[in-house]
Amino acid sequence: MSETLEQDVQAESAMVFTDAAAGKVRELLDDEDNPALKLRVFVSGGGCSGFQYGFTFDENVEDGDTVIEKSGVTLLVDPMSVLYLGGAEIDFTDGVEGAQFVIRNPNATTTCGCGNSFAV
């Protein structure tokens, strides 16, 4: 693969981890009192649209994980999930609809009403 093509592929698959999301994760991690924890974001089958997003804390970085660090917080995404999350923005909002993590995924062709599942 040429260097230019490889850079284009990397740019297309880049995910954005917003300051708001990193700040909220930092708050949650401080409550856990375990400095080894990282936030893992993943995609699994299910939900009303075919795929659903998931979040969990994990101490381990697995082979092939994409690692994004921001404001002292580490975000992990497994290789399969990266295929569905390339170019996505992981954000945190706190408004009239409540406080929640939000994934804005350009790969999703449809989403369900609750925003937790999607189709490609």
Protein backbone atom coordinates (compact mmCIF):
# COMPACT_ATOMS: atom_id res chain seq x y z
CA MET A 1 0.00 0.00 0.00
CA SER A 2 1.42 3.40 -0.91
CA GLU A 3 2.16 5.82 1.90
CA THR A 4 -0.42 8.33 0.63
CA LEU A 5 -3.15 5.69 0.38
CA GLU A 6 -2.29 4.42 3.86
CA GLN A 7 -2.54 7.96 5.26
CA ASP A 8 -5.95 8.41 3.55
CA VAL A 9 -7.23 5.16 5.09
CA GLN A 10 -6.01 6.28 8.52
CA ALA A 11 -7.66 9.70 8.10
CA GLU A 12 -11.00 8.11 7.09
CA SER A 13 -10.96 5.78 10.07
CA ALA A 14 -10.04 8.45 12.64
CA MET A 15 -12.49 8.74 15.50
CA VAL A 16 -13.14 11.89 17.48
CA PHE A 17 -13.23 11.66 21.28
CA THR A 18 -14.60 15.03 22.42
CA ASP A 19 -13.45 17.03 25.43
CA ALA A 20 -16.92 16.65 26.97
CA ALA A 21 -16.77 12.84 26.68
CA ALA A 22 -13.22 12.67 28.03
CA GLY A 23 -14.21 14.90 30.96
CA LYS A 24 -17.20 12.74 31.88
CA VAL A 25 -15.13 9.56 31.61
CA ARG A 26 -12.52 11.17 33.90
CA GLU A 27 -15.27 11.83 36.48
CA LEU A 28 -16.49 8.23 36.26
CA LEU A 29 -12.96 6.84 36.52
CA ASP A 30 -12.21 9.01 39.57
CA ASP A 31 -15.27 7.46 41.25
CA GLU A 32 -13.93 3.95 40.49
CA ASP A 33 -10.55 4.74 42.14
CA ASN A 34 -8.69 2.43 39.72
CA PRO A 35 -6.11 4.30 37.58
CA ALA A 36 -5.70 1.26 35.29
CA LEU A 37 -9.25 1.52 33.90
CA LYS A 38 -9.88 2.63 30.32
CA LEU A 39 -13.15 3.19 28.46
CA ARG A 40 -13.88 0.54 25.84
CA VAL A 41 -16.43 1.40 23.14
CA PHE A 42 -17.71 -1.47 21.02
CA VAL A 43 -20.29 -2.48 18.47
CA SER A 44 -22.28 -5.70 18.83
CA GLY A 45 -25.16 -7.31 16.99
CA GLY A 46 -28.61 -6.50 18.32
CA GLY A 47 -30.91 -3.61 18.93
CA CYS A 48 -33.85 -2.74 16.73
CA SER A 49 -31.64 -1.64 13.81
CA GLY A 50 -29.15 -4.53 13.70
CA PHE A 51 -26.12 -3.21 15.61
CA GLN A 52 -25.80 -1.51 18.97
CA TYR A 53 -23.16 0.51 20.76
CA GLY A 54 -21.72 -0.55 24.08
CA PHE A 55 -19.47 1.02 26.70
CA THR A 56 -17.52 -0.71 29.44
CA PHE A 57 -14.46 -0.12 31.59
CA ASP A 58 -11.47 -2.34 30.87
CA GLU A 59 -8.02 -2.60 32.40
CA ASN A 60 -6.46 -4.35 29.40
CA VAL A 61 -5.40 -3.18 25.97
CA GLU A 62 -5.91 -6.13 23.61
CA ASP A 63 -3.96 -6.92 20.44
CA GLY A 64 -5.24 -4.79 17.58
CA ASP A 65 -7.10 -2.28 19.77
CA THR A 66 -7.25 1.29 18.55
CA VAL A 67 -6.12 3.49 21.44
CA ILE A 68 -7.14 7.14 21.68
CA GLU A 69 -5.90 9.26 24.56
CA LYS A 70 -7.36 12.59 25.58
CA SER A 71 -7.08 14.59 28.80
CA GLY A 72 -5.55 11.65 30.66
CA VAL A 73 -8.32 9.25 29.58
CA THR A 74 -7.78 6.25 27.30
CA LEU A 75 -10.45 5.10 24.86
CA LEU A 76 -10.17 1.57 23.43
CA VAL A 77 -11.90 0.18 20.33
CA ASP A 78 -11.47 -3.41 19.15
CA PRO A 79 -10.59 -4.10 15.48
CA MET A 80 -14.09 -5.29 14.50
CA SER A 81 -15.77 -2.25 16.04
CA VAL A 82 -13.34 0.13 14.32
CA LEU A 83 -14.80 -1.05 11.01
CA TYR A 84 -18.18 0.36 12.07
CA LEU A 85 -16.93 3.39 14.02
CA GLY A 86 -14.44 4.86 11.54
CA GLY A 87 -14.98 8.61 11.40
CA ALA A 88 -17.42 8.58 14.33
CA GLU A 89 -17.55 11.20 17.07
CA ILE A 90 -17.91 10.02 20.66
CA ASP A 91 -19.42 12.82 22.73
CA PHE A 92 -21.22 13.42 26.02
CA THR A 93 -24.29 15.63 26.27
CA ASP A 94 -26.19 16.85 29.31
CA GLY A 95 -29.46 18.51 28.33
CA VAL A 96 -33.21 18.35 28.66
CA GLU A 97 -33.18 14.77 27.33
CA GLY A 98 -30.79 13.76 30.11
CA ALA A 99 -27.09 13.07 30.38
CA GLN A 100 -25.72 10.51 27.95
CA PHE A 101 -22.84 9.47 25.76
CA VAL A 102 -23.66 10.05 22.11
CA ILE A 103 -22.03 8.48 19.07
CA ARG A 104 -22.39 10.42 15.82
CA ASN A 105 -21.56 7.76 13.27
CA PRO A 106 -21.23 8.69 9.58
CA ASN A 107 -21.36 4.98 8.68
CA ALA A 108 -24.87 4.49 10.09
CA THR A 109 -27.49 4.53 7.34
CA THR A 110 -30.38 4.33 9.81
CA THR A 111 -30.70 4.61 13.58
CA CYS A 112 -33.46 3.73 15.98
CA GLY A 113 -35.44 6.31 17.88
CA CYS A 114 -33.40 5.92 21.06
CA GLY A 115 -30.08 6.27 19.20
CA ASN A 116 -28.60 3.13 20.73
CA SER A 117 -28.75 0.96 17.63
CA PHE A 118 -27.98 1.49 13.97
CA ALA A 119 -27.69 -0.18 10.56
CA VAL A 120 -24.99 0.17 7.92
